Amino acid sequence: MTALNDLRDFDVDAAEVTLWTFKTSRAGGTLGFKGRWVETSEALDNALREAVKAERAHIEEMIEYGLLAQNNEASALRLDADETHASWIVDVAEDDSAQNRVRNLKDLRNSGFYAIKLVQGETVLYGVKKTDASWHTRRVQNAVSAIFVEDVMGIEESPSFDIAKSVDFFIVGDSLLVADKGRFESIMQYKAAHREDFAALTAEPAFLAILADVGPIVAFVGDNKIHLRRASAIRQKAYYSDAAFMNNLRARRDEMGFNFEFDAVGRIIATAEHCREIFQALLDHRLLSRLSENIYDVQDAVSIAV
């Protein structure tokens, strides 16, 4: 609970606020973040503090982050900051020199996310949020901003950017507390990593050895972020390389209610109809209750010692 306690104990109202905007690049295939800080009014500083406090107030418990773990509106996923690129955000935001200040509108347009940096003494807290369409050039080109004042609607001439009343994740010391997993993974470019992971999985001899044909699996996954994430979890668990697990799957397929077939040499015959079931099996996410004798499909499973 250390990270959550540190978040709760942080005095947001007393902290100095700096807004950092970030753009993401993949020059040469390598991920990078370019950040700039922007001068903000007292009113905006207070709004940023309120966004941080509002998100913090929702978090009552922590769940350890996993590829398939999901939190709810009262919890956050926790993981070590050094498992992600979050340290780059911290490194960039440590240099608040004039050369890193936003100089013009171009510096703000097309920012992918922003970080609310809060400093209280020697302690620093970050609240990170993915930007919406108001930050992107396409929105500006395809729409006119209108305002309604004193019963009259008119055009807003000055550029505007939406600041959300929430954040997607916190950087608290050496930990991250993730409120919105989808946006967190988008900011951290997890989908690109999952694509690479899936390419490695479908080239792995141990994985290919359990399948009569990997083609239907490749077609099933495509570029779907959920399927890519599940494929990464399959590779991480690597049950397909466990001979005892695979023998149990062949022997207990009917008992566990799986409908896919095996060929004459014991390889799984993948079809479009059964790929979802095959993933469930390789994730070990079809479970038998010893209490009710019911069989359940689960989104995630945590092994416990008994």
C-alpha atoms as a PDB file:
ATOM      1  CA  MET A   1       0.000   0.000   0.000  1.00  0.00           C
ATOM      2  CA  THR A   2       3.041   2.306   0.067  1.00  0.00           C
ATOM      3  CA  ALA A   3       2.344   3.927  -3.323  1.00  0.00           C
ATOM      4  CA  LEU A   4      -1.329   4.479  -2.514  1.00  0.00           C
ATOM      5  CA  ASN A   5      -0.494   5.883   0.921  1.00  0.00           C
ATOM      6  CA  ASP A   6       2.077   8.214  -0.634  1.00  0.00           C
ATOM      7  CA  LEU A   7      -0.546   9.400  -3.121  1.00  0.00           C
ATOM      8  CA  ARG A   8      -3.097   9.982  -0.363  1.00  0.00           C
ATOM      9  CA  ASP A   9      -0.605  11.823   1.849  1.00  0.00           C
ATOM     10  CA  PHE A  10       0.577  14.208  -0.865  1.00  0.00           C
ATOM     11  CA  ASP A  11      -0.618  17.777  -0.185  1.00  0.00           C
ATOM     12  CA  VAL A  12      -1.887  18.734  -3.633  1.00  0.00           C
ATOM     13  CA  ASP A  13      -3.162  22.167  -2.582  1.00  0.00           C
ATOM     14  CA  ALA A  14       0.253  23.189  -1.250  1.00  0.00           C
ATOM     15  CA  ALA A  15       2.194  21.902  -4.269  1.00  0.00           C
ATOM     16  CA  GLU A  16       3.718  23.957  -7.055  1.00  0.00           C
ATOM     17  CA  VAL A  17       2.124  23.101 -10.420  1.00  0.00           C
ATOM     18  CA  THR A  18       3.735  22.844 -13.857  1.00  0.00           C
ATOM     19  CA  LEU A  19       1.952  21.608 -16.979  1.00  0.00           C
ATOM     20  CA  TRP A  20       4.119  19.608 -19.376  1.00  0.00           C
ATOM     21  CA  THR A  21       2.930  18.632 -22.856  1.00  0.00           C
ATOM     22  CA  PHE A  22       4.453  15.701 -24.713  1.00  0.00           C
ATOM     23  CA  LYS A  23       4.690  14.520 -28.286  1.00  0.00           C
ATOM     24  CA  THR A  24       5.570  10.953 -29.169  1.00  0.00           C
ATOM     25  CA  SER A  25       7.865   9.928 -31.993  1.00  0.00           C
ATOM     26  CA  ARG A  26       9.174   6.674 -33.400  1.00  0.00           C
ATOM     27  CA  ALA A  27      12.129   7.961 -35.378  1.00  0.00           C
ATOM     28  CA  GLY A  28      14.028   5.014 -36.779  1.00  0.00           C
ATOM     29  CA  GLY A  29      11.583   2.697 -35.045  1.00  0.00           C
ATOM     30  CA  THR A  30      12.687   3.882 -31.598  1.00  0.00           C
ATOM     31  CA  LEU A  31      10.100   5.342 -29.216  1.00  0.00           C
ATOM     32  CA  GLY A  32      10.832   8.793 -27.823  1.00  0.00           C
ATOM     33  CA  PHE A  33       9.037  11.592 -25.934  1.00  0.00           C
ATOM     34  CA  LYS A  34       9.567  15.309 -26.550  1.00  0.00           C
ATOM     35  CA  GLY A  35       8.253  17.484 -23.727  1.00  0.00           C
ATOM     36  CA  ARG A  36       7.733  21.205 -23.160  1.00  0.00           C
ATOM     37  CA  TRP A  37       6.333  23.091 -20.184  1.00  0.00           C
ATOM     38  CA  VAL A  38       3.758  25.822 -20.630  1.00  0.00           C
ATOM     39  CA  GLU A  39       3.086  28.933 -18.576  1.00  0.00           C
ATOM     40  CA  THR A  40      -0.311  28.594 -16.876  1.00  0.00           C
ATOM     41  CA  SER A  41      -2.673  30.933 -15.061  1.00  0.00           C
ATOM     42  CA  GLU A  42      -3.570  30.562 -11.396  1.00  0.00           C
ATOM     43  CA  ALA A  43      -7.078  29.509 -12.413  1.00  0.00           C
ATOM     44  CA  LEU A  44      -5.734  26.711 -14.612  1.00  0.00           C
ATOM     45  CA  ASP A  45      -3.293  25.633 -11.893  1.00  0.00           C
ATOM     46  CA  ASN A  46      -6.224  25.249  -9.524  1.00  0.00           C
ATOM     47  CA  ALA A  47      -8.187  23.291 -12.140  1.00  0.00           C
ATOM     48  CA  LEU A  48      -5.219  20.946 -12.602  1.00  0.00           C
ATOM     49  CA  ARG A  49      -5.013  20.406  -8.842  1.00  0.00           C
ATOM     50  CA  GLU A  50      -8.730  19.607  -8.759  1.00  0.00           C
ATOM     51  CA  ALA A  51      -8.320  17.054 -11.568  1.00  0.00           C
ATOM     52  CA  VAL A  52      -5.594  15.287  -9.590  1.00  0.00           C
ATOM     53  CA  LYS A  53      -7.629  15.323  -6.377  1.00  0.00           C
ATOM     54  CA  ALA A  54     -10.766  14.090  -8.140  1.00  0.00           C
ATOM     55  CA  GLU A  55      -8.952  11.099  -9.636  1.00  0.00           C
ATOM     56  CA  ARG A  56      -7.172  10.326  -6.383  1.00  0.00           C
ATOM     57  CA  ALA A  57     -10.477  10.319  -4.490  1.00  0.00           C
ATOM     58  CA  HIS A  58     -11.751   7.417  -6.615  1.00  0.00           C
ATOM     59  CA  ILE A  59      -8.896   5.072  -5.717  1.00  0.00           C
ATOM     60  CA  GLU A  60      -9.639   2.893  -2.700  1.00  0.00           C
ATOM     61  CA  GLU A  61      -7.424  -0.098  -3.476  1.00  0.00           C
ATOM     62  CA  MET A  62      -4.555  -1.283  -5.662  1.00  0.00           C
ATOM     63  CA  ILE A  63      -4.453  -4.296  -7.965  1.00  0.00           C
ATOM     64  CA  GLU A  64      -1.151  -5.542  -9.331  1.00  0.00           C
ATOM     65  CA  TYR A  65      -0.864  -4.743 -13.038  1.00  0.00           C
ATOM     66  CA  GLY A  66      -0.914  -7.616 -15.497  1.00  0.00           C
ATOM     67  CA  LEU A  67      -1.478  -7.933 -19.220  1.00  0.00           C
ATOM     68  CA  LEU A  68      -5.056  -9.070 -18.622  1.00  0.00           C
ATOM     69  CA  ALA A  69      -5.716  -7.470 -15.227  1.00  0.00           C
ATOM     70  CA  GLN A  70      -8.573  -4.971 -15.053  1.00  0.00           C
ATOM     71  CA  ASN A  71      -9.412  -2.401 -12.424  1.00  0.00           C
ATOM     72  CA  ASN A  72     -12.760  -0.820 -11.617  1.00  0.00           C
ATOM     73  CA  GLU A  73     -13.872   2.704 -10.774  1.00  0.00           C
ATOM     74  CA  ALA A  74     -12.620   2.342  -7.172  1.00  0.00           C
ATOM     75  CA  SER A  75      -9.219   0.795  -7.851  1.00  0.00           C
ATOM     76  CA  ALA A  76      -5.957   1.377  -9.697  1.00  0.00           C
ATOM     77  CA  LEU A  77      -3.447  -0.978 -11.257  1.00  0.00           C
ATOM     78  CA  ARG A  78       0.022  -0.755  -9.715  1.00  0.00           C
ATOM     79  CA  LEU A  79       3.304  -1.509 -11.443  1.00  0.00           C
ATOM     80  CA  ASP A  80       6.939  -0.506 -11.097  1.00  0.00           C
ATOM     81  CA  ALA A  81       7.830   2.608 -13.059  1.00  0.00           C
ATOM     82  CA  ASP A  82      11.014   1.000 -14.393  1.00  0.00           C
ATOM     83  CA  GLU A  83       8.903  -1.584 -16.251  1.00  0.00           C
ATOM     84  CA  THR A  84       7.659   1.199 -18.559  1.00  0.00           C
ATOM     85  CA  HIS A  85       8.845   4.327 -20.361  1.00  0.00           C
ATOM     86  CA  ALA A  86       7.409   6.503 -17.571  1.00  0.00           C
ATOM     87  CA  SER A  87      10.914   7.324 -16.374  1.00  0.00           C
ATOM     88  CA  TRP A  88      11.387   9.254 -19.636  1.00  0.00           C
ATOM     89  CA  ILE A  89       8.524  11.565 -18.648  1.00  0.00           C
ATOM     90  CA  VAL A  90      10.214  12.222 -15.311  1.00  0.00           C
ATOM     91  CA  ASP A  91      13.619  12.749 -16.917  1.00  0.00           C
ATOM     92  CA  VAL A  92      12.252  15.264 -19.431  1.00  0.00           C
ATOM     93  CA  ALA A  93      10.195  17.156 -16.834  1.00  0.00           C
ATOM     94  CA  GLU A  94      13.214  17.628 -14.567  1.00  0.00           C
ATOM     95  CA  ASP A  95      14.613  20.207 -16.997  1.00  0.00           C
ATOM     96  CA  ASP A  96      12.361  23.253 -16.721  1.00  0.00           C
ATOM     97  CA  SER A  97      14.840  25.594 -18.365  1.00  0.00           C
ATOM     98  CA  ALA A  98      13.705  28.281 -20.800  1.00  0.00           C
ATOM     99  CA  GLN A  99      14.699  26.188 -23.819  1.00  0.00           C
ATOM    100  CA  ASN A 100      11.971  23.666 -22.926  1.00  0.00           C
ATOM    101  CA  ARG A 101       9.200  26.243 -22.584  1.00  0.00           C
ATOM    102  CA  VAL A 102       6.320  26.270 -25.090  1.00  0.00           C
ATOM    103  CA  ARG A 103       7.101  29.118 -27.477  1.00  0.00           C
ATOM    104  CA  ASN A 104       4.213  29.058 -29.938  1.00  0.00           C
ATOM    105  CA  LEU A 105       1.012  27.293 -30.929  1.00  0.00           C
ATOM    106  CA  LYS A 106       2.918  24.734 -32.988  1.00  0.00           C
ATOM    107  CA  ASP A 107       4.611  23.470 -29.826  1.00  0.00           C
ATOM    108  CA  LEU A 108       1.199  22.584 -28.368  1.00  0.00           C
ATOM    109  CA  ARG A 109      -0.625  21.246 -31.418  1.00  0.00           C
ATOM    110  CA  ASN A 110      -0.650  17.447 -31.795  1.00  0.00           C
ATOM    111  CA  SER A 111       0.594  16.779 -28.276  1.00  0.00           C
ATOM    112  CA  GLY A 112      -0.221  13.173 -27.440  1.00  0.00           C
ATOM    113  CA  PHE A 113      -0.506  13.600 -23.681  1.00  0.00           C
ATOM    114  CA  TYR A 114       0.226  16.012 -20.877  1.00  0.00           C
ATOM    115  CA  ALA A 115       1.660  15.602 -17.384  1.00  0.00           C
ATOM    116  CA  ILE A 116       0.621  17.650 -14.374  1.00  0.00           C
ATOM    117  CA  LYS A 117       3.808  17.987 -12.333  1.00  0.00           C
ATOM    118  CA  LEU A 118       3.235  18.727  -8.638  1.00  0.00           C
ATOM    119  CA  VAL A 119       6.182  19.554  -6.385  1.00  0.00           C
ATOM    120  CA  GLN A 120       5.972  19.726  -2.602  1.00  0.00           C
ATOM    121  CA  GLY A 121       9.376  20.083  -0.979  1.00  0.00           C
ATOM    122  CA  GLU A 122      11.478  17.153  -2.174  1.00  0.00           C
ATOM    123  CA  THR A 123       8.452  15.094  -3.257  1.00  0.00           C
ATOM    124  CA  VAL A 124       7.164  15.078  -6.837  1.00  0.00           C
ATOM    125  CA  LEU A 125       3.865  13.665  -8.093  1.00  0.00           C
ATOM    126  CA  TYR A 126       2.795  13.376 -11.730  1.00  0.00           C
ATOM    127  CA  GLY A 127      -0.727  13.012 -13.070  1.00  0.00           C
ATOM    128  CA  VAL A 128      -0.666  12.008 -16.750  1.00  0.00           C
ATOM    129  CA  LYS A 129      -3.544  12.360 -19.216  1.00  0.00           C
ATOM    130  CA  LYS A 130      -3.983  11.480 -22.896  1.00  0.00           C
ATOM    131  CA  THR A 131      -5.073  14.506 -24.927  1.00  0.00           C
ATOM    132  CA  ASP A 132      -8.382  14.657 -26.776  1.00  0.00           C
ATOM    133  CA  ALA A 133      -9.192  15.846 -30.308  1.00  0.00           C
ATOM    134  CA  SER A 134      -9.030  19.543 -29.350  1.00  0.00           C
ATOM    135  CA  TRP A 135      -5.229  19.260 -29.274  1.00  0.00           C
ATOM    136  CA  HIS A 136      -4.911  17.941 -32.814  1.00  0.00           C
ATOM    137  CA  THR A 137      -4.549  19.836 -36.087  1.00  0.00           C
ATOM    138  CA  ARG A 138      -7.198  17.763 -37.882  1.00  0.00           C
ATOM    139  CA  ARG A 139      -9.870  18.900 -35.421  1.00  0.00           C
ATOM    140  CA  VAL A 140      -8.887  22.544 -35.938  1.00  0.00           C
ATOM    141  CA  GLN A 141      -8.996  22.193 -39.722  1.00  0.00           C
ATOM    142  CA  ASN A 142     -12.370  20.452 -39.768  1.00  0.00           C
ATOM    143  CA  ALA A 143     -14.303  22.429 -37.152  1.00  0.00           C
ATOM    144  CA  VAL A 144     -14.966  25.927 -35.845  1.00  0.00           C
ATOM    145  CA  SER A 145     -14.987  26.540 -32.092  1.00  0.00           C
ATOM    146  CA  ALA A 146     -18.152  28.321 -30.988  1.00  0.00           C
ATOM    147  CA  ILE A 147     -18.978  29.957 -27.656  1.00  0.00           C
ATOM    148  CA  PHE A 148     -22.324  30.906 -26.114  1.00  0.00           C
ATOM    149  CA  VAL A 149     -22.313  34.189 -24.191  1.00  0.00           C
ATOM    150  CA  GLU A 150     -25.349  36.234 -23.081  1.00  0.00           C
ATOM    151  CA  ASP A 151     -27.818  34.350 -25.275  1.00  0.00           C
ATOM    152  CA  VAL A 152     -25.648  34.710 -28.386  1.00  0.00           C
ATOM    153  CA  MET A 153     -23.479  32.077 -30.042  1.00  0.00           C
ATOM    154  CA  GLY A 154     -20.306  33.311 -31.655  1.00  0.00           C
ATOM    155  CA  ILE A 155     -16.919  32.137 -32.873  1.00  0.00           C
ATOM    156  CA  GLU A 156     -14.042  31.591 -30.473  1.00  0.00           C
ATOM    157  CA  GLU A 157     -11.106  33.206 -32.219  1.00  0.00           C
ATOM    158  CA  SER A 158      -8.394  32.119 -29.793  1.00  0.00           C
ATOM    159  CA  PRO A 159      -7.096  28.540 -29.972  1.00  0.00           C
ATOM    160  CA  SER A 160      -8.483  26.358 -27.184  1.00  0.00           C
ATOM    161  CA  PHE A 161      -7.416  23.067 -25.645  1.00  0.00           C
ATOM    162  CA  ASP A 162      -9.512  20.824 -23.440  1.00  0.00           C
ATOM    163  CA  ILE A 163      -8.096  19.951 -20.017  1.00  0.00           C
ATOM    164  CA  ALA A 164      -9.826  16.914 -18.521  1.00  0.00           C
ATOM    165  CA  LYS A 165     -11.127  16.786 -14.958  1.00  0.00           C
ATOM    166  CA  SER A 166      -9.332  13.479 -14.465  1.00  0.00           C
ATOM    167  CA  VAL A 167      -5.981  11.807 -15.086  1.00  0.00           C
ATOM    168  CA  ASP A 168      -5.177   8.421 -16.593  1.00  0.00           C
ATOM    169  CA  PHE A 169      -2.308   7.435 -14.310  1.00  0.00           C
ATOM    170  CA  PHE A 170      -0.079   8.713 -11.534  1.00  0.00           C
ATOM    171  CA  ILE A 171       3.685   8.472 -11.197  1.00  0.00           C
ATOM    172  CA  VAL A 172       4.284   8.115  -7.456  1.00  0.00           C
ATOM    173  CA  GLY A 173       7.961   7.641  -6.658  1.00  0.00           C
ATOM    174  CA  ASP A 174       9.019   4.311  -8.141  1.00  0.00           C
ATOM    175  CA  SER A 175       5.442   3.172  -8.815  1.00  0.00           C
ATOM    176  CA  LEU A 176       2.684   3.864 -11.299  1.00  0.00           C
ATOM    177  CA  LEU A 177      -0.972   3.828 -10.298  1.00  0.00           C
ATOM    178  CA  VAL A 178      -3.092   3.356 -13.412  1.00  0.00           C
ATOM    179  CA  ALA A 179      -6.712   4.509 -13.425  1.00  0.00           C
ATOM    180  CA  ASP A 180      -7.387   4.018 -17.153  1.00  0.00           C
ATOM    181  CA  LYS A 181      -5.506   1.026 -18.522  1.00  0.00           C
ATOM    182  CA  GLY A 182      -6.437   1.602 -22.168  1.00  0.00           C
ATOM    183  CA  ARG A 183      -5.186   5.188 -22.244  1.00  0.00           C
ATOM    184  CA  PHE A 184      -2.110   4.290 -20.186  1.00  0.00           C
ATOM    185  CA  GLU A 185      -1.141   1.588 -22.672  1.00  0.00           C
ATOM    186  CA  SER A 186      -1.792   3.978 -25.561  1.00  0.00           C
ATOM    187  CA  ILE A 187       0.490   6.635 -24.058  1.00  0.00           C
ATOM    188  CA  MET A 188       3.187   4.058 -23.322  1.00  0.00           C
ATOM    189  CA  GLN A 189       2.852   2.594 -26.855  1.00  0.00           C
ATOM    190  CA  TYR A 190       2.035  -0.894 -25.575  1.00  0.00           C
ATOM    191  CA  LYS A 191       0.225  -1.880 -28.766  1.00  0.00           C
ATOM    192  CA  ALA A 192       3.432  -1.578 -30.782  1.00  0.00           C
ATOM    193  CA  ALA A 193       5.179  -3.776 -28.215  1.00  0.00           C
ATOM    194  CA  HIS A 194       2.340  -6.313 -28.361  1.00  0.00           C
ATOM    195  CA  ARG A 195       2.641  -6.441 -32.164  1.00  0.00           C
ATOM    196  CA  GLU A 196       6.328  -7.263 -31.826  1.00  0.00           C
ATOM    197  CA  ASP A 197       5.527  -9.845 -29.155  1.00  0.00           C
ATOM    198  CA  PHE A 198       2.960 -11.548 -31.395  1.00  0.00           C
ATOM    199  CA  ALA A 199       5.383 -11.655 -34.317  1.00  0.00           C
ATOM    200  CA  ALA A 200       7.914 -13.332 -32.026  1.00  0.00           C
ATOM    201  CA  LEU A 201       5.291 -15.776 -30.726  1.00  0.00           C
ATOM    202  CA  THR A 202       4.234 -16.892 -34.206  1.00  0.00           C
ATOM    203  CA  ALA A 203       7.878 -17.513 -35.112  1.00  0.00           C
ATOM    204  CA  GLU A 204       8.658 -19.462 -31.938  1.00  0.00           C
ATOM    205  CA  PRO A 205       9.263 -23.184 -32.639  1.00  0.00           C
ATOM    206  CA  ALA A 206       7.599 -24.305 -29.395  1.00  0.00           C
ATOM    207  CA  PHE A 207       4.404 -22.419 -30.282  1.00  0.00           C
ATOM    208  CA  LEU A 208       4.374 -23.571 -33.894  1.00  0.00           C
ATOM    209  CA  ALA A 209       4.865 -27.161 -32.723  1.00  0.00           C
ATOM    210  CA  ILE A 210       1.465 -27.272 -30.965  1.00  0.00           C
ATOM    211  CA  LEU A 211      -0.474 -26.050 -34.025  1.00  0.00           C
ATOM    212  CA  ALA A 212      -1.298 -27.815 -37.257  1.00  0.00           C
ATOM    213  CA  ASP A 213      -1.463 -24.385 -38.939  1.00  0.00           C
ATOM    214  CA  VAL A 214      -0.737 -20.989 -37.379  1.00  0.00           C
ATOM    215  CA  GLY A 215      -2.527 -19.101 -40.188  1.00  0.00           C
ATOM    216  CA  PRO A 216      -5.984 -18.976 -38.561  1.00  0.00           C
ATOM    217  CA  ILE A 217      -4.424 -17.653 -35.344  1.00  0.00           C
ATOM    218  CA  VAL A 218      -2.672 -14.855 -37.256  1.00  0.00           C
ATOM    219  CA  ALA A 219      -5.914 -13.948 -39.024  1.00  0.00           C
ATOM    220  CA  PHE A 220      -7.873 -14.020 -35.758  1.00  0.00           C
ATOM    221  CA  VAL A 221      -5.493 -11.679 -33.949  1.00  0.00           C
ATOM    222  CA  GLY A 222      -4.946  -9.251 -36.839  1.00  0.00           C
ATOM    223  CA  ASP A 223      -4.282  -5.808 -35.342  1.00  0.00           C
ATOM    224  CA  ASN A 224      -6.905  -6.100 -32.602  1.00  0.00           C
ATOM    225  CA  LYS A 225      -5.422  -4.628 -29.424  1.00  0.00           C
ATOM    226  CA  ILE A 226      -7.310  -7.029 -27.121  1.00  0.00           C
ATOM    227  CA  HIS A 227      -6.208 -10.115 -29.056  1.00  0.00           C
ATOM    228  CA  LEU A 228      -2.641  -8.785 -29.257  1.00  0.00           C
ATOM    229  CA  ARG A 229      -2.611  -8.280 -25.495  1.00  0.00           C
ATOM    230  CA  ARG A 230      -3.923 -11.806 -24.910  1.00  0.00           C
ATOM    231  CA  ALA A 231      -1.317 -13.212 -27.297  1.00  0.00           C
ATOM    232  CA  SER A 232       1.384 -11.425 -25.288  1.00  0.00           C
ATOM    233  CA  ALA A 233      -0.007 -13.025 -22.138  1.00  0.00           C
ATOM    234  CA  ILE A 234       0.087 -16.455 -23.819  1.00  0.00           C
ATOM    235  CA  ARG A 235       3.745 -15.920 -24.652  1.00  0.00           C
ATOM    236  CA  GLN A 236       4.469 -14.706 -21.133  1.00  0.00           C
ATOM    237  CA  LYS A 237       2.809 -17.745 -19.519  1.00  0.00           C
ATOM    238  CA  ALA A 238       4.312 -20.132 -22.130  1.00  0.00           C
ATOM    239  CA  TYR A 239       2.074 -23.071 -21.207  1.00  0.00           C
ATOM    240  CA  TYR A 240       2.395 -24.213 -24.824  1.00  0.00           C
ATOM    241  CA  SER A 241       5.999 -25.200 -24.083  1.00  0.00           C
ATOM    242  CA  ASP A 242       5.003 -27.223 -20.997  1.00  0.00           C
ATOM    243  CA  ALA A 243       4.613 -30.864 -22.072  1.00  0.00           C
ATOM    244  CA  ALA A 244       2.567 -31.783 -18.983  1.00  0.00           C
ATOM    245  CA  PHE A 245       0.144 -28.889 -19.580  1.00  0.00           C
ATOM    246  CA  MET A 246      -0.344 -29.808 -23.228  1.00  0.00           C
ATOM    247  CA  ASN A 247      -0.869 -33.497 -22.372  1.00  0.00           C
ATOM    248  CA  ASN A 248      -3.509 -32.485 -19.823  1.00  0.00           C
ATOM    249  CA  LEU A 249      -5.202 -30.285 -22.419  1.00  0.00           C
ATOM    250  CA  ARG A 250      -5.402 -33.178 -24.876  1.00  0.00           C
ATOM    251  CA  ALA A 251      -6.669 -35.588 -22.216  1.00  0.00           C
ATOM    252  CA  ARG A 252      -9.228 -33.243 -20.646  1.00  0.00           C
ATOM    253  CA  ARG A 253     -10.442 -31.268 -23.638  1.00  0.00           C
ATOM    254  CA  ASP A 254     -13.956 -32.735 -23.503  1.00  0.00           C
ATOM    255  CA  GLU A 255     -14.169 -32.500 -19.714  1.00  0.00           C
ATOM    256  CA  MET A 256     -13.375 -28.779 -19.877  1.00  0.00           C
ATOM    257  CA  GLY A 257     -15.875 -28.150 -22.673  1.00  0.00           C
ATOM    258  CA  PHE A 258     -13.443 -27.228 -25.437  1.00  0.00           C
ATOM    259  CA  ASN A 259     -14.628 -27.873 -29.000  1.00  0.00           C
ATOM    260  CA  PHE A 260     -11.419 -27.532 -31.026  1.00  0.00           C
ATOM    261  CA  GLU A 261      -9.845 -30.670 -32.470  1.00  0.00           C
ATOM    262  CA  PHE A 262      -6.369 -32.208 -32.449  1.00  0.00           C
ATOM    263  CA  ASP A 263      -4.760 -33.812 -35.474  1.00  0.00           C
ATOM    264  CA  ALA A 264      -3.288 -37.327 -35.569  1.00  0.00           C
ATOM    265  CA  VAL A 265      -0.034 -36.203 -33.947  1.00  0.00           C
ATOM    266  CA  GLY A 266      -1.675 -34.154 -31.194  1.00  0.00           C
ATOM    267  CA  ARG A 267      -1.443 -30.665 -32.673  1.00  0.00           C
ATOM    268  CA  ILE A 268      -4.304 -28.192 -32.225  1.00  0.00           C
ATOM    269  CA  ILE A 269      -6.312 -27.635 -35.394  1.00  0.00           C
ATOM    270  CA  ALA A 270      -6.966 -23.891 -35.358  1.00  0.00           C
ATOM    271  CA  THR A 271     -10.080 -22.611 -37.124  1.00  0.00           C
ATOM    272  CA  ALA A 272     -11.704 -19.186 -37.205  1.00  0.00           C
ATOM    273  CA  GLU A 273     -14.574 -20.596 -35.155  1.00  0.00           C
ATOM    274  CA  HIS A 274     -12.386 -21.927 -32.358  1.00  0.00           C
ATOM    275  CA  CYS A 275      -9.490 -19.447 -32.038  1.00  0.00           C
ATOM    276  CA  ARG A 276     -11.089 -17.717 -29.053  1.00  0.00           C
ATOM    277  CA  GLU A 277     -11.389 -21.076 -27.274  1.00  0.00           C
ATOM    278  CA  ILE A 278      -7.790 -21.939 -28.123  1.00  0.00           C
ATOM    279  CA  PHE A 279      -6.614 -18.686 -26.540  1.00  0.00           C
ATOM    280  CA  GLN A 280      -8.695 -19.415 -23.446  1.00  0.00           C
ATOM    281  CA  ALA A 281      -7.047 -22.827 -23.160  1.00  0.00           C
ATOM    282  CA  LEU A 282      -3.489 -21.558 -23.668  1.00  0.00           C
ATOM    283  CA  LEU A 283      -4.066 -18.821 -21.097  1.00  0.00           C
ATOM    284  CA  ASP A 284      -5.369 -21.432 -18.636  1.00  0.00           C
ATOM    285  CA  HIS A 285      -8.472 -19.300 -18.191  1.00  0.00           C
ATOM    286  CA  ARG A 286     -11.115 -22.024 -18.198  1.00  0.00           C
ATOM    287  CA  LEU A 287     -11.438 -23.072 -14.592  1.00  0.00           C
ATOM    288  CA  LEU A 288     -13.348 -25.794 -12.740  1.00  0.00           C
ATOM    289  CA  SER A 289     -14.829 -24.918  -9.347  1.00  0.00           C
ATOM    290  CA  ARG A 290     -14.366 -27.694  -6.806  1.00  0.00           C
ATOM    291  CA  LEU A 291     -17.259 -26.206  -4.828  1.00  0.00           C
ATOM    292  CA  SER A 292     -20.022 -25.909  -7.419  1.00  0.00           C
ATOM    293  CA  GLU A 293     -18.534 -28.212 -10.080  1.00  0.00           C
ATOM    294  CA  ASN A 294     -19.235 -25.410 -12.557  1.00  0.00           C
ATOM    295  CA  ILE A 295     -16.745 -24.485 -15.277  1.00  0.00           C
ATOM    296  CA  TYR A 296     -15.965 -20.799 -15.753  1.00  0.00           C
ATOM    297  CA  ASP A 297     -14.191 -18.660 -18.341  1.00  0.00           C
ATOM    298  CA  VAL A 298     -12.276 -15.876 -16.578  1.00  0.00           C
ATOM    299  CA  GLN A 299     -10.569 -12.719 -17.844  1.00  0.00           C
ATOM    300  CA  ASP A 300      -7.567 -13.140 -15.573  1.00  0.00           C
ATOM    301  CA  ALA A 301      -6.383 -15.573 -12.924  1.00  0.00           C
ATOM    302  CA  VAL A 302      -3.993 -15.264 -10.000  1.00  0.00           C
ATOM    303  CA  SER A 303      -2.416 -18.429  -8.621  1.00  0.00           C
ATOM    304  CA  ILE A 304      -2.452 -18.735  -4.812  1.00  0.00           C
ATOM    305  CA  ALA A 305      -0.597 -21.043  -2.446  1.00  0.00           C
ATOM    306  CA  VAL A 306      -2.791 -23.455  -0.436  1.00  0.00           C
END
